[in-house]
């Protein structure tokens, strides 16, 4: 089992920045990839960014160039830095971890609201 706890969400003005954190606990040695998804009201959950255990990152097109995902394998924590935030970035952001057995675990989510 892997437990994931997100933090760092909140309300920010358009053009602002946020850094989300997700701390993993439990069977952390089994974790391969980690990532962030988001779900806006009335929309499907979508992948925002992912990162492998080796640090290879990928991003959805809408956040490329203004977001950075990183991970600290010693602290078992993954981060998502988002700059130039837009109202359409408003969503609940979920941390996810995939184990080497292909099992996915999810955090409970953290709300990000971009509003003036």
PDB file of N, CA and C in Angstrom:
ATOM      1  N   UNK A   1       0.834  -1.196   0.000  1.00  0.00           N
ATOM      2  CA  UNK A   1       0.000   0.000   0.000  1.00  0.00           C
ATOM      3  C   UNK A   1       0.868   1.245   0.000  1.00  0.00           C
ATOM      4  N   UNK A   2       0.385   2.245  -0.713  1.00  0.00           N
ATOM      5  CA  UNK A   2       1.049   3.550  -0.769  1.00  0.00           C
ATOM      6  C   UNK A   2       0.032   4.611  -0.397  1.00  0.00           C
ATOM      7  N   UNK A   3       0.410   5.461   0.517  1.00  0.00           N
ATOM      8  CA  UNK A   3      -0.445   6.585   0.888  1.00  0.00           C
ATOM      9  C   UNK A   3       0.163   7.868   0.322  1.00  0.00           C
ATOM     10  N   UNK A   4      -0.695   8.710  -0.230  1.00  0.00           N
ATOM     11  CA  UNK A   4      -0.250   9.954  -0.847  1.00  0.00           C
ATOM     12  C   UNK A   4      -1.009  11.125  -0.224  1.00  0.00           C
ATOM     13  N   UNK A   5      -0.282  12.143   0.168  1.00  0.00           N
ATOM     14  CA  UNK A   5      -0.902  13.319   0.772  1.00  0.00           C
ATOM     15  C   UNK A   5      -0.427  14.565   0.036  1.00  0.00           C
ATOM     16  N   UNK A   6      -1.384  15.258  -0.581  1.00  0.00           N
ATOM     17  CA  UNK A   6      -1.068  16.480  -1.315  1.00  0.00           C
ATOM     18  C   UNK A   6      -1.152  17.703  -0.411  1.00  0.00           C
ATOM     19  N   UNK A   7      -0.410  18.726  -0.784  1.00  0.00           N
ATOM     20  CA  UNK A   7      -0.484  20.014  -0.108  1.00  0.00           C
ATOM     21  C   UNK A   7      -0.062  21.103  -1.080  1.00  0.00           C
ATOM     22  N   UNK A   8      -0.354  22.330  -0.704  1.00  0.00           N
ATOM     23  CA  UNK A   8       0.095  23.460  -1.511  1.00  0.00           C
ATOM     24  C   UNK A   8      -0.963  24.109  -2.370  1.00  0.00           C
ATOM     25  N   UNK A   9      -2.163  23.552  -2.375  1.00  0.00           N
ATOM     26  CA  UNK A   9      -3.222  24.178  -3.146  1.00  0.00           C
ATOM     27  C   UNK A   9      -3.699  25.461  -2.500  1.00  0.00           C
ATOM     28  N   UNK A  10      -4.576  26.150  -3.206  1.00  0.00           N
ATOM     29  CA  UNK A  10      -5.121  27.383  -2.670  1.00  0.00           C
ATOM     30  C   UNK A  10      -5.659  28.255  -3.770  1.00  0.00           C
ATOM     31  N   UNK A  11      -5.881  29.501  -3.433  1.00  0.00           N
ATOM     32  CA  UNK A  11      -6.399  30.464  -4.396  1.00  0.00           C
ATOM     33  C   UNK A  11      -5.278  31.410  -4.803  1.00  0.00           C
ATOM     34  N   UNK A  12      -5.184  31.634  -6.091  1.00  0.00           N
ATOM     35  CA  UNK A  12      -4.136  32.493  -6.623  1.00  0.00           C
ATOM     36  C   UNK A  12      -4.717  33.323  -7.752  1.00  0.00           C
ATOM     37  N   UNK A  13      -4.167  34.490  -7.964  1.00  0.00           N
ATOM     38  CA  UNK A  13      -4.628  35.342  -9.055  1.00  0.00           C
ATOM     39  C   UNK A  13      -4.054  34.895 -10.384  1.00  0.00           C
ATOM     40  N   UNK A  14      -4.733  35.183 -11.472  1.00  0.00           N
ATOM     41  CA  UNK A  14      -4.186  34.856 -12.797  1.00  0.00           C
ATOM     42  C   UNK A  14      -2.784  35.437 -12.959  1.00  0.00           C
ATOM     43  N   UNK A  15      -1.916  34.615 -13.520  1.00  0.00           N
ATOM     44  CA  UNK A  15      -0.525  35.015 -13.688  1.00  0.00           C
ATOM     45  C   UNK A  15       0.361  34.624 -12.527  1.00  0.00           C
ATOM     46  N   UNK A  16      -0.254  34.162 -11.454  1.00  0.00           N
ATOM     47  CA  UNK A  16       0.502  33.774 -10.278  1.00  0.00           C
ATOM     48  C   UNK A  16       1.090  32.382 -10.378  1.00  0.00           C
ATOM     49  N   UNK A  17       1.691  31.949  -9.270  1.00  0.00           N
ATOM     50  CA  UNK A  17       2.376  30.654  -9.237  1.00  0.00           C
ATOM     51  C   UNK A  17       1.974  29.864  -7.999  1.00  0.00           C
ATOM     52  N   UNK A  18       2.118  28.557  -8.123  1.00  0.00           N
ATOM     53  CA  UNK A  18       1.879  27.659  -7.003  1.00  0.00           C
ATOM     54  C   UNK A  18       2.852  26.511  -7.091  1.00  0.00           C
ATOM     55  N   UNK A  19       3.176  25.931  -5.943  1.00  0.00           N
ATOM     56  CA  UNK A  19       3.916  24.684  -5.939  1.00  0.00           C
ATOM     57  C   UNK A  19       3.137  23.676  -5.111  1.00  0.00           C
ATOM     58  N   UNK A  20       2.745  22.616  -5.769  1.00  0.00           N
ATOM     59  CA  UNK A  20       2.061  21.521  -5.098  1.00  0.00           C
ATOM     60  C   UNK A  20       3.081  20.472  -4.671  1.00  0.00           C
ATOM     61  N   UNK A  21       2.824  19.877  -3.532  1.00  0.00           N
ATOM     62  CA  UNK A  21       3.686  18.808  -3.038  1.00  0.00           C
ATOM     63  C   UNK A  21       2.841  17.576  -2.769  1.00  0.00           C
ATOM     64  N   UNK A  22       3.471  16.434  -2.901  1.00  0.00           N
ATOM     65  CA  UNK A  22       2.787  15.176  -2.614  1.00  0.00           C
ATOM     66  C   UNK A  22       3.792  14.252  -1.937  1.00  0.00           C
ATOM     67  N   UNK A  23       3.509  13.929  -0.698  1.00  0.00           N
ATOM     68  CA  UNK A  23       4.383  13.052   0.062  1.00  0.00           C
ATOM     69  C   UNK A  23       3.825  11.638   0.059  1.00  0.00           C
ATOM     70  N   UNK A  24       4.679  10.696  -0.259  1.00  0.00           N
ATOM     71  CA  UNK A  24       4.288   9.289  -0.283  1.00  0.00           C
ATOM     72  C   UNK A  24       4.777   8.590   0.975  1.00  0.00           C
ATOM     73  N   UNK A  25       3.971   7.644   1.437  1.00  0.00           N
ATOM     74  CA  UNK A  25       4.339   6.836   2.595  1.00  0.00           C
ATOM     75  C   UNK A  25       3.899   5.404   2.348  1.00  0.00           C
ATOM     76  N   UNK A  26       4.433   4.497   3.122  1.00  0.00           N
ATOM     77  CA  UNK A  26       4.086   3.096   2.959  1.00  0.00           C
ATOM     78  C   UNK A  26       5.139   2.377   2.123  1.00  0.00           C
ATOM     79  N   UNK A  27       4.681   1.639   1.141  1.00  0.00           N
ATOM     80  CA  UNK A  27       5.580   0.837   0.298  1.00  0.00           C
ATOM     81  C   UNK A  27       6.220   1.703  -0.786  1.00  0.00           C
ATOM     82  N   UNK A  28       6.969   2.690  -0.365  1.00  0.00           N
ATOM     83  CA  UNK A  28       7.521   3.674  -1.316  1.00  0.00           C
ATOM     84  C   UNK A  28       8.591   3.081  -2.223  1.00  0.00           C
ATOM     85  N   UNK A  29       9.253   2.034  -1.778  1.00  0.00           N
ATOM     86  CA  UNK A  29      10.282   1.425  -2.626  1.00  0.00           C
ATOM     87  C   UNK A  29       9.688   0.769  -3.865  1.00  0.00           C
ATOM     88  N   UNK A  30       8.379   0.548  -3.838  1.00  0.00           N
ATOM     89  CA  UNK A  30       7.725  -0.090  -4.976  1.00  0.00           C
ATOM     90  C   UNK A  30       7.277   0.916  -6.036  1.00  0.00           C
ATOM     91  N   UNK A  31       7.424   2.206  -5.733  1.00  0.00           N
ATOM     92  CA  UNK A  31       6.917   3.231  -6.653  1.00  0.00           C
ATOM     93  C   UNK A  31       7.830   3.410  -7.852  1.00  0.00           C
ATOM     94  N   UNK A  32       7.260   3.410  -9.035  1.00  0.00           N
ATOM     95  CA  UNK A  32       7.982   3.778 -10.250  1.00  0.00           C
ATOM     96  C   UNK A  32       7.608   5.208 -10.617  1.00  0.00           C
ATOM     97  N   UNK A  33       6.600   5.378 -11.414  1.00  0.00           N
ATOM     98  CA  UNK A  33       6.225   6.717 -11.862  1.00  0.00           C
ATOM     99  C   UNK A  33       5.309   7.408 -10.857  1.00  0.00           C
ATOM    100  N   UNK A  34       5.391   8.709 -10.854  1.00  0.00           N
ATOM    101  CA  UNK A  34       4.466   9.535 -10.079  1.00  0.00           C
ATOM    102  C   UNK A  34       3.960  10.647 -10.989  1.00  0.00           C
ATOM    103  N   UNK A  35       2.850  11.223 -10.601  1.00  0.00           N
ATOM    104  CA  UNK A  35       2.306  12.261 -11.461  1.00  0.00           C
ATOM    105  C   UNK A  35       1.197  13.042 -10.812  1.00  0.00           C
ATOM    106  N   UNK A  36       0.716  13.998 -11.582  1.00  0.00           N
ATOM    107  CA  UNK A  36      -0.384  14.837 -11.154  1.00  0.00           C
ATOM    108  C   UNK A  36      -1.483  14.802 -12.207  1.00  0.00           C
ATOM    109  N   UNK A  37      -2.699  14.624 -11.741  1.00  0.00           N
ATOM    110  CA  UNK A  37      -3.886  14.757 -12.564  1.00  0.00           C
ATOM    111  C   UNK A  37      -4.709  15.914 -12.010  1.00  0.00           C
ATOM    112  N   UNK A  38      -5.648  16.369 -12.801  1.00  0.00           N
ATOM    113  CA  UNK A  38      -6.574  17.380 -12.308  1.00  0.00           C
ATOM    114  C   UNK A  38      -7.954  17.126 -12.869  1.00  0.00           C
ATOM    115  N   UNK A  39      -8.939  17.608 -12.118  1.00  0.00           N
ATOM    116  CA  UNK A  39     -10.319  17.469 -12.560  1.00  0.00           C
ATOM    117  C   UNK A  39     -11.060  18.752 -12.244  1.00  0.00           C
ATOM    118  N   UNK A  40     -11.518  19.395 -13.289  1.00  0.00           N
ATOM    119  CA  UNK A  40     -12.318  20.606 -13.149  1.00  0.00           C
ATOM    120  C   UNK A  40     -13.789  20.220 -13.088  1.00  0.00           C
ATOM    121  N   UNK A  41     -14.630  21.058 -12.515  1.00  0.00           N
ATOM    122  CA  UNK A  41     -16.061  20.747 -12.420  1.00  0.00           C
ATOM    123  C   UNK A  41     -16.654  20.438 -13.788  1.00  0.00           C
ATOM    124  N   UNK A  42     -17.340  19.312 -13.881  1.00  0.00           N
ATOM    125  CA  UNK A  42     -17.997  18.925 -15.116  1.00  0.00           C
ATOM    126  C   UNK A  42     -17.087  18.368 -16.177  1.00  0.00           C
ATOM    127  N   UNK A  43     -15.813  18.183 -15.840  1.00  0.00           N
ATOM    128  CA  UNK A  43     -14.860  17.671 -16.832  1.00  0.00           C
ATOM    129  C   UNK A  43     -14.229  16.372 -16.358  1.00  0.00           C
ATOM    130  N   UNK A  44     -13.650  15.672 -17.306  1.00  0.00           N
ATOM    131  CA  UNK A  44     -12.976  14.432 -16.980  1.00  0.00           C
ATOM    132  C   UNK A  44     -11.631  14.714 -16.319  1.00  0.00           C
ATOM    133  N   UNK A  45     -11.182  13.765 -15.516  1.00  0.00           N
ATOM    134  CA  UNK A  45      -9.864  13.888 -14.925  1.00  0.00           C
ATOM    135  C   UNK A  45      -8.820  13.760 -16.023  1.00  0.00           C
ATOM    136  N   UNK A  46      -7.820  14.637 -16.004  1.00  0.00           N
ATOM    137  CA  UNK A  46      -6.800  14.612 -17.044  1.00  0.00           C
ATOM    138  C   UNK A  46      -5.409  14.635 -16.425  1.00  0.00           C
ATOM    139  N   UNK A  47      -4.476  14.007 -17.142  1.00  0.00           N
ATOM    140  CA  UNK A  47      -3.090  14.023 -16.716  1.00  0.00           C
ATOM    141  C   UNK A  47      -2.506  15.422 -16.925  1.00  0.00           C
ATOM    142  N   UNK A  48      -1.850  15.940 -15.915  1.00  0.00           N
ATOM    143  CA  UNK A  48      -1.157  17.221 -16.021  1.00  0.00           C
ATOM    144  C   UNK A  48       0.323  16.993 -16.317  1.00  0.00           C
ATOM    145  N   UNK A  49       0.950  16.175 -15.502  1.00  0.00           N
ATOM    146  CA  UNK A  49       2.373  15.903 -15.671  1.00  0.00           C
ATOM    147  C   UNK A  49       2.718  14.595 -14.983  1.00  0.00           C
ATOM    148  N   UNK A  50       3.732  13.924 -15.512  1.00  0.00           N
ATOM    149  CA  UNK A  50       4.201  12.692 -14.909  1.00  0.00           C
ATOM    150  C   UNK A  50       5.713  12.659 -14.906  1.00  0.00           C
ATOM    151  N   UNK A  51       6.272  11.849 -14.025  1.00  0.00           N
ATOM    152  CA  UNK A  51       7.722  11.736 -13.939  1.00  0.00           C
ATOM    153  C   UNK A  51       8.088  10.319 -13.537  1.00  0.00           C
ATOM    154  N   UNK A  52       9.072   9.762 -14.228  1.00  0.00           N
ATOM    155  CA  UNK A  52       9.512   8.411 -13.931  1.00  0.00           C
ATOM    156  C   UNK A  52      10.472   8.417 -12.740  1.00  0.00           C
ATOM    157  N   UNK A  53      10.815   7.232 -12.287  1.00  0.00           N
ATOM    158  CA  UNK A  53      11.765   7.131 -11.178  1.00  0.00           C
ATOM    159  C   UNK A  53      13.131   7.688 -11.575  1.00  0.00           C
ATOM    160  N   UNK A  54      13.413   7.693 -12.871  1.00  0.00           N
ATOM    161  CA  UNK A  54      14.675   8.228 -13.355  1.00  0.00           C
ATOM    162  C   UNK A  54      14.639   9.708 -13.648  1.00  0.00           C
ATOM    163  N   UNK A  55      13.488  10.323 -13.441  1.00  0.00           N
ATOM    164  CA  UNK A  55      13.393  11.767 -13.622  1.00  0.00           C
ATOM    165  C   UNK A  55      12.942  12.233 -14.989  1.00  0.00           C
ATOM    166  N   UNK A  56      12.499  11.325 -15.841  1.00  0.00           N
ATOM    167  CA  UNK A  56      11.985  11.731 -17.147  1.00  0.00           C
ATOM    168  C   UNK A  56      10.561  12.241 -16.974  1.00  0.00           C
ATOM    169  N   UNK A  57      10.336  13.467 -17.445  1.00  0.00           N
ATOM    170  CA  UNK A  57       9.047  14.122 -17.227  1.00  0.00           C
ATOM    171  C   UNK A  57       8.272  14.270 -18.527  1.00  0.00           C
ATOM    172  N   UNK A  58       6.967  14.304 -18.395  1.00  0.00           N
ATOM    173  CA  UNK A  58       6.111  14.621 -19.532  1.00  0.00           C
ATOM    174  C   UNK A  58       4.964  15.491 -19.036  1.00  0.00           C
ATOM    175  N   UNK A  59       4.440  16.311 -19.948  1.00  0.00           N
ATOM    176  CA  UNK A  59       3.418  17.289 -19.591  1.00  0.00           C
ATOM    177  C   UNK A  59       2.300  17.284 -20.620  1.00  0.00           C
ATOM    178  N   UNK A  60       1.115  17.613 -20.154  1.00  0.00           N
ATOM    179  CA  UNK A  60       0.051  17.842 -21.106  1.00  0.00           C
ATOM    180  C   UNK A  60       0.300  19.174 -21.801  1.00  0.00           C
ATOM    181  N   UNK A  61      -0.168  19.293 -23.032  1.00  0.00           N
ATOM    182  CA  UNK A  61       0.167  20.468 -23.840  1.00  0.00           C
ATOM    183  C   UNK A  61      -0.228  21.780 -23.170  1.00  0.00           C
ATOM    184  N   UNK A  62      -1.326  21.785 -22.453  1.00  0.00           N
ATOM    185  CA  UNK A  62      -1.845  23.037 -21.900  1.00  0.00           C
ATOM    186  C   UNK A  62      -0.975  23.619 -20.791  1.00  0.00           C
ATOM    187  N   UNK A  63      -0.064  22.833 -20.232  1.00  0.00           N
ATOM    188  CA  UNK A  63       0.792  23.349 -19.150  1.00  0.00           C
ATOM    189  C   UNK A  63       2.257  23.372 -19.549  1.00  0.00           C
ATOM    190  N   UNK A  64       2.584  22.872 -20.716  1.00  0.00           N
ATOM    191  CA  UNK A  64       3.980  22.855 -21.159  1.00  0.00           C
ATOM    192  C   UNK A  64       4.549  24.258 -21.195  1.00  0.00           C
ATOM    193  N   UNK A  65       5.760  24.393 -20.720  1.00  0.00           N
ATOM    194  CA  UNK A  65       6.436  25.682 -20.739  1.00  0.00           C
ATOM    195  C   UNK A  65       6.158  26.546 -19.529  1.00  0.00           C
ATOM    196  N   UNK A  66       5.171  26.172 -18.727  1.00  0.00           N
ATOM    197  CA  UNK A  66       4.881  26.960 -17.530  1.00  0.00           C
ATOM    198  C   UNK A  66       4.715  26.088 -16.294  1.00  0.00           C
ATOM    199  N   UNK A  67       5.070  24.826 -16.433  1.00  0.00           N
ATOM    200  CA  UNK A  67       4.981  23.914 -15.293  1.00  0.00           C
ATOM    201  C   UNK A  67       6.222  23.048 -15.230  1.00  0.00           C
ATOM    202  N   UNK A  68       6.592  22.683 -14.016  1.00  0.00           N
ATOM    203  CA  UNK A  68       7.738  21.794 -13.820  1.00  0.00           C
ATOM    204  C   UNK A  68       7.387  20.754 -12.769  1.00  0.00           C
ATOM    205  N   UNK A  69       7.532  19.497 -13.141  1.00  0.00           N
ATOM    206  CA  UNK A  69       7.354  18.421 -12.182  1.00  0.00           C
ATOM    207  C   UNK A  69       8.731  17.922 -11.762  1.00  0.00           C
ATOM    208  N   UNK A  70       8.873  17.614 -10.503  1.00  0.00           N
ATOM    209  CA  UNK A  70      10.142  17.105 -10.003  1.00  0.00           C
ATOM    210  C   UNK A  70       9.851  16.151  -8.849  1.00  0.00           C
ATOM    211  N   UNK A  71      10.842  15.366  -8.512  1.00  0.00           N
ATOM    212  CA  UNK A  71      10.648  14.444  -7.401  1.00  0.00           C
ATOM    213  C   UNK A  71      11.927  14.303  -6.608  1.00  0.00           C
ATOM    214  N   UNK A  72      11.747  14.084  -5.327  1.00  0.00           N
ATOM    215  CA  UNK A  72      12.855  13.840  -4.409  1.00  0.00           C
ATOM    216  C   UNK A  72      12.679  12.407  -3.919  1.00  0.00           C
ATOM    217  N   UNK A  73      13.480  11.520  -4.439  1.00  0.00           N
ATOM    218  CA  UNK A  73      13.333  10.098  -4.117  1.00  0.00           C
ATOM    219  C   UNK A  73      13.762   9.778  -2.685  1.00  0.00           C
ATOM    220  N   UNK A  74      14.531  10.654  -2.080  1.00  0.00           N
ATOM    221  CA  UNK A  74      14.915  10.452  -0.678  1.00  0.00           C
ATOM    222  C   UNK A  74      13.738  10.809   0.230  1.00  0.00           C
ATOM    223  N   UNK A  75      13.069  11.902  -0.089  1.00  0.00           N
ATOM    224  CA  UNK A  75      11.918  12.336   0.690  1.00  0.00           C
ATOM    225  C   UNK A  75      10.619  11.693   0.220  1.00  0.00           C
ATOM    226  N   UNK A  76      10.685  10.914  -0.863  1.00  0.00           N
ATOM    227  CA  UNK A  76       9.478  10.280  -1.413  1.00  0.00           C
ATOM    228  C   UNK A  76       8.395  11.319  -1.692  1.00  0.00           C
ATOM    229  N   UNK A  77       8.807  12.394  -2.298  1.00  0.00           N
ATOM    230  CA  UNK A  77       7.903  13.509  -2.551  1.00  0.00           C
ATOM    231  C   UNK A  77       8.005  13.942  -4.009  1.00  0.00           C
ATOM    232  N   UNK A  78       6.858  14.256  -4.583  1.00  0.00           N
ATOM    233  CA  UNK A  78       6.811  14.787  -5.932  1.00  0.00           C
ATOM    234  C   UNK A  78       6.216  16.184  -5.860  1.00  0.00           C
ATOM    235  N   UNK A  79       6.731  17.060  -6.697  1.00  0.00           N
ATOM    236  CA  UNK A  79       6.319  18.458  -6.701  1.00  0.00           C
ATOM    237  C   UNK A  79       5.793  18.837  -8.082  1.00  0.00           C
ATOM    238  N   UNK A  80       4.906  19.801  -8.093  1.00  0.00           N
ATOM    239  CA  UNK A  80       4.451  20.391  -9.343  1.00  0.00           C
ATOM    240  C   UNK A  80       4.457  21.896  -9.161  1.00  0.00           C
ATOM    241  N   UNK A  81       5.352  22.544  -9.866  1.00  0.00           N
ATOM    242  CA  UNK A  81       5.419  23.992  -9.871  1.00  0.00           C
ATOM    243  C   UNK A  81       4.650  24.479 -11.090  1.00  0.00           C
ATOM    244  N   UNK A  82       3.728  25.386 -10.883  1.00  0.00           N
ATOM    245  CA  UNK A  82       2.945  25.938 -11.986  1.00  0.00           C
ATOM    246  C   UNK A  82       3.055  27.450 -11.962  1.00  0.00           C
ATOM    247  N   UNK A  83       3.456  28.024 -13.079  1.00  0.00           N
ATOM    248  CA  UNK A  83       3.582  29.467 -13.242  1.00  0.00           C
ATOM    249  C   UNK A  83       2.551  29.969 -14.254  1.00  0.00           C
ATOM    250  N   UNK A  84       2.417  31.279 -14.307  1.00  0.00           N
ATOM    251  CA  UNK A  84       1.495  31.907 -15.266  1.00  0.00           C
ATOM    252  C   UNK A  84       0.130  31.233 -15.229  1.00  0.00           C
ATOM    253  N   UNK A  85      -0.377  31.053 -14.035  1.00  0.00           N
ATOM    254  CA  UNK A  85      -1.638  30.339 -13.871  1.00  0.00           C
ATOM    255  C   UNK A  85      -2.790  31.071 -14.541  1.00  0.00           C
ATOM    256  N   UNK A  86      -3.707  30.268 -15.085  1.00  0.00           N
ATOM    257  CA  UNK A  86      -4.866  30.784 -15.796  1.00  0.00           C
ATOM    258  C   UNK A  86      -6.135  30.294 -15.099  1.00  0.00           C
ATOM    259  N   UNK A  87      -7.234  30.996 -15.290  1.00  0.00           N
ATOM    260  CA  UNK A  87      -8.493  30.526 -14.692  1.00  0.00           C
ATOM    261  C   UNK A  87      -8.827  29.081 -15.084  1.00  0.00           C
ATOM    262  N   UNK A  88      -8.461  28.684 -16.290  1.00  0.00           N
ATOM    263  CA  UNK A  88      -8.750  27.317 -16.725  1.00  0.00           C
ATOM    264  C   UNK A  88      -7.888  26.266 -16.032  1.00  0.00           C
ATOM    265  N   UNK A  89      -6.917  26.696 -15.234  1.00  0.00           N
ATOM    266  CA  UNK A  89      -6.159  25.752 -14.415  1.00  0.00           C
ATOM    267  C   UNK A  89      -6.899  25.401 -13.126  1.00  0.00           C
ATOM    268  N   UNK A  90      -7.993  26.066 -12.879  1.00  0.00           N
ATOM    269  CA  UNK A  90      -8.783  25.781 -11.682  1.00  0.00           C
ATOM    270  C   UNK A  90      -9.307  24.352 -11.716  1.00  0.00           C
ATOM    271  N   UNK A  91      -8.988  23.609 -10.674  1.00  0.00           N
ATOM    272  CA  UNK A  91      -9.373  22.202 -10.617  1.00  0.00           C
ATOM    273  C   UNK A  91      -8.926  21.629  -9.277  1.00  0.00           C
ATOM    274  N   UNK A  92      -9.373  20.432  -9.018  1.00  0.00           N
ATOM    275  CA  UNK A  92      -8.796  19.646  -7.931  1.00  0.00           C
ATOM    276  C   UNK A  92      -7.628  18.874  -8.519  1.00  0.00           C
ATOM    277  N   UNK A  93      -6.480  18.981  -7.887  1.00  0.00           N
ATOM    278  CA  UNK A  93      -5.266  18.322  -8.370  1.00  0.00           C
ATOM    279  C   UNK A  93      -4.995  17.087  -7.518  1.00  0.00           C
ATOM    280  N   UNK A  94      -4.809  15.981  -8.207  1.00  0.00           N
ATOM    281  CA  UNK A  94      -4.590  14.705  -7.544  1.00  0.00           C
ATOM    282  C   UNK A  94      -3.186  14.186  -7.842  1.00  0.00           C
ATOM    283  N   UNK A  95      -2.543  13.708  -6.810  1.00  0.00           N
ATOM    284  CA  UNK A  95      -1.257  13.046  -6.947  1.00  0.00           C
ATOM    285  C   UNK A  95      -1.503  11.557  -7.182  1.00  0.00           C
ATOM    286  N   UNK A  96      -0.679  10.960  -7.997  1.00  0.00           N
ATOM    287  CA  UNK A  96      -0.800   9.534  -8.242  1.00  0.00           C
ATOM    288  C   UNK A  96       0.574   8.884  -8.257  1.00  0.00           C
ATOM    289  N   UNK A  97       0.603   7.633  -7.884  1.00  0.00           N
ATOM    290  CA  UNK A  97       1.844   6.859  -7.917  1.00  0.00           C
ATOM    291  C   UNK A  97       1.537   5.486  -8.485  1.00  0.00           C
ATOM    292  N   UNK A  98       2.409   5.023  -9.359  1.00  0.00           N
ATOM    293  CA  UNK A  98       2.257   3.689  -9.936  1.00  0.00           C
ATOM    294  C   UNK A  98       3.399   2.823  -9.438  1.00  0.00           C
ATOM    295  N   UNK A  99       3.045   1.655  -8.927  1.00  0.00           N
ATOM    296  CA  UNK A  99       4.079   0.759  -8.426  1.00  0.00           C
ATOM    297  C   UNK A  99       4.656  -0.082  -9.554  1.00  0.00           C
ATOM    298  N   UNK A 100       5.717  -0.794  -9.236  1.00  0.00           N
ATOM    299  CA  UNK A 100       6.354  -1.648 -10.246  1.00  0.00           C
ATOM    300  C   UNK A 100       5.464  -2.812 -10.650  1.00  0.00           C
ATOM    301  N   UNK A 101       4.385  -3.026  -9.897  1.00  0.00           N
ATOM    302  CA  UNK A 101       3.433  -4.061 -10.272  1.00  0.00           C
ATOM    303  C   UNK A 101       2.264  -3.487 -11.070  1.00  0.00           C
ATOM    304  N   UNK A 102       2.347  -2.197 -11.403  1.00  0.00           N
ATOM    305  CA  UNK A 102       1.303  -1.582 -12.207  1.00  0.00           C
ATOM    306  C   UNK A 102       0.070  -1.160 -11.442  1.00  0.00           C
ATOM    307  N   UNK A 103       0.176  -1.088 -10.128  1.00  0.00           N
ATOM    308  CA  UNK A 103      -0.950  -0.667  -9.307  1.00  0.00           C
ATOM    309  C   UNK A 103      -0.873   0.839  -9.085  1.00  0.00           C
ATOM    310  N   UNK A 104      -1.996   1.505  -9.273  1.00  0.00           N
ATOM    311  CA  UNK A 104      -2.055   2.956  -9.103  1.00  0.00           C
ATOM    312  C   UNK A 104      -2.672   3.321  -7.753  1.00  0.00           C
ATOM    313  N   UNK A 105      -2.059   4.287  -7.111  1.00  0.00           N
ATOM    314  CA  UNK A 105      -2.589   4.843  -5.877  1.00  0.00           C
ATOM    315  C   UNK A 105      -2.829   6.333  -6.087  1.00  0.00           C
ATOM    316  N   UNK A 106      -3.825   6.853  -5.354  1.00  0.00           N
ATOM    317  CA  UNK A 106      -4.223   8.248  -5.524  1.00  0.00           C
ATOM    318  C   UNK A 106      -4.296   8.955  -4.180  1.00  0.00           C
ATOM    319  N   UNK A 107      -3.972  10.239  -4.213  1.00  0.00           N
ATOM    320  CA  UNK A 107      -4.210  11.074  -3.058  1.00  0.00           C
ATOM    321  C   UNK A 107      -5.649  11.565  -3.075  1.00  0.00           C
ATOM    322  N   UNK A 108      -6.021  12.306  -2.039  1.00  0.00           N
ATOM    323  CA  UNK A 108      -7.397  12.790  -1.927  1.00  0.00           C
ATOM    324  C   UNK A 108      -7.627  14.078  -2.700  1.00  0.00           C
ATOM    325  N   UNK A 109      -6.559  14.718  -3.130  1.00  0.00           N
ATOM    326  CA  UNK A 109      -6.688  15.916  -3.947  1.00  0.00           C
ATOM    327  C   UNK A 109      -6.520  17.202  -3.170  1.00  0.00           C
ATOM    328  N   UNK A 110      -6.110  18.232  -3.895  1.00  0.00           N
ATOM    329  CA  UNK A 110      -5.986  19.566  -3.325  1.00  0.00           C
ATOM    330  C   UNK A 110      -6.555  20.567  -4.330  1.00  0.00           C
ATOM    331  N   UNK A 111      -7.345  21.485  -3.834  1.00  0.00           N
ATOM    332  CA  UNK A 111      -8.028  22.440  -4.706  1.00  0.00           C
ATOM    333  C   UNK A 111      -7.092  23.574  -5.111  1.00  0.00           C
ATOM    334  N   UNK A 112      -7.082  23.865  -6.394  1.00  0.00           N
ATOM    335  CA  UNK A 112      -6.388  25.038  -6.928  1.00  0.00           C
ATOM    336  C   UNK A 112      -7.430  25.913  -7.610  1.00  0.00           C
ATOM    337  N   UNK A 113      -7.529  27.145  -7.168  1.00  0.00           N
ATOM    338  CA  UNK A 113      -8.474  28.092  -7.749  1.00  0.00           C
ATOM    339  C   UNK A 113      -7.713  29.306  -8.257  1.00  0.00           C
ATOM    340  N   UNK A 114      -7.882  29.601  -9.524  1.00  0.00           N
ATOM    341  CA  UNK A 114      -7.227  30.754 -10.134  1.00  0.00           C
ATOM    342  C   UNK A 114      -8.310  31.782 -10.448  1.00  0.00           C
ATOM    343  N   UNK A 115      -8.296  32.855  -9.707  1.00  0.00           N
ATOM    344  CA  UNK A 115      -9.374  33.836  -9.843  1.00  0.00           C
ATOM    345  C   UNK A 115      -8.887  35.205  -9.407  1.00  0.00           C
ATOM    346  N   UNK A 116      -9.423  36.211 -10.061  1.00  0.00           N
ATOM    347  CA  UNK A 116      -9.097  37.577  -9.664  1.00  0.00           C
ATOM    348  C   UNK A 116     -10.158  38.111  -8.701  1.00  0.00           C
TER     349      UNK A 116
END
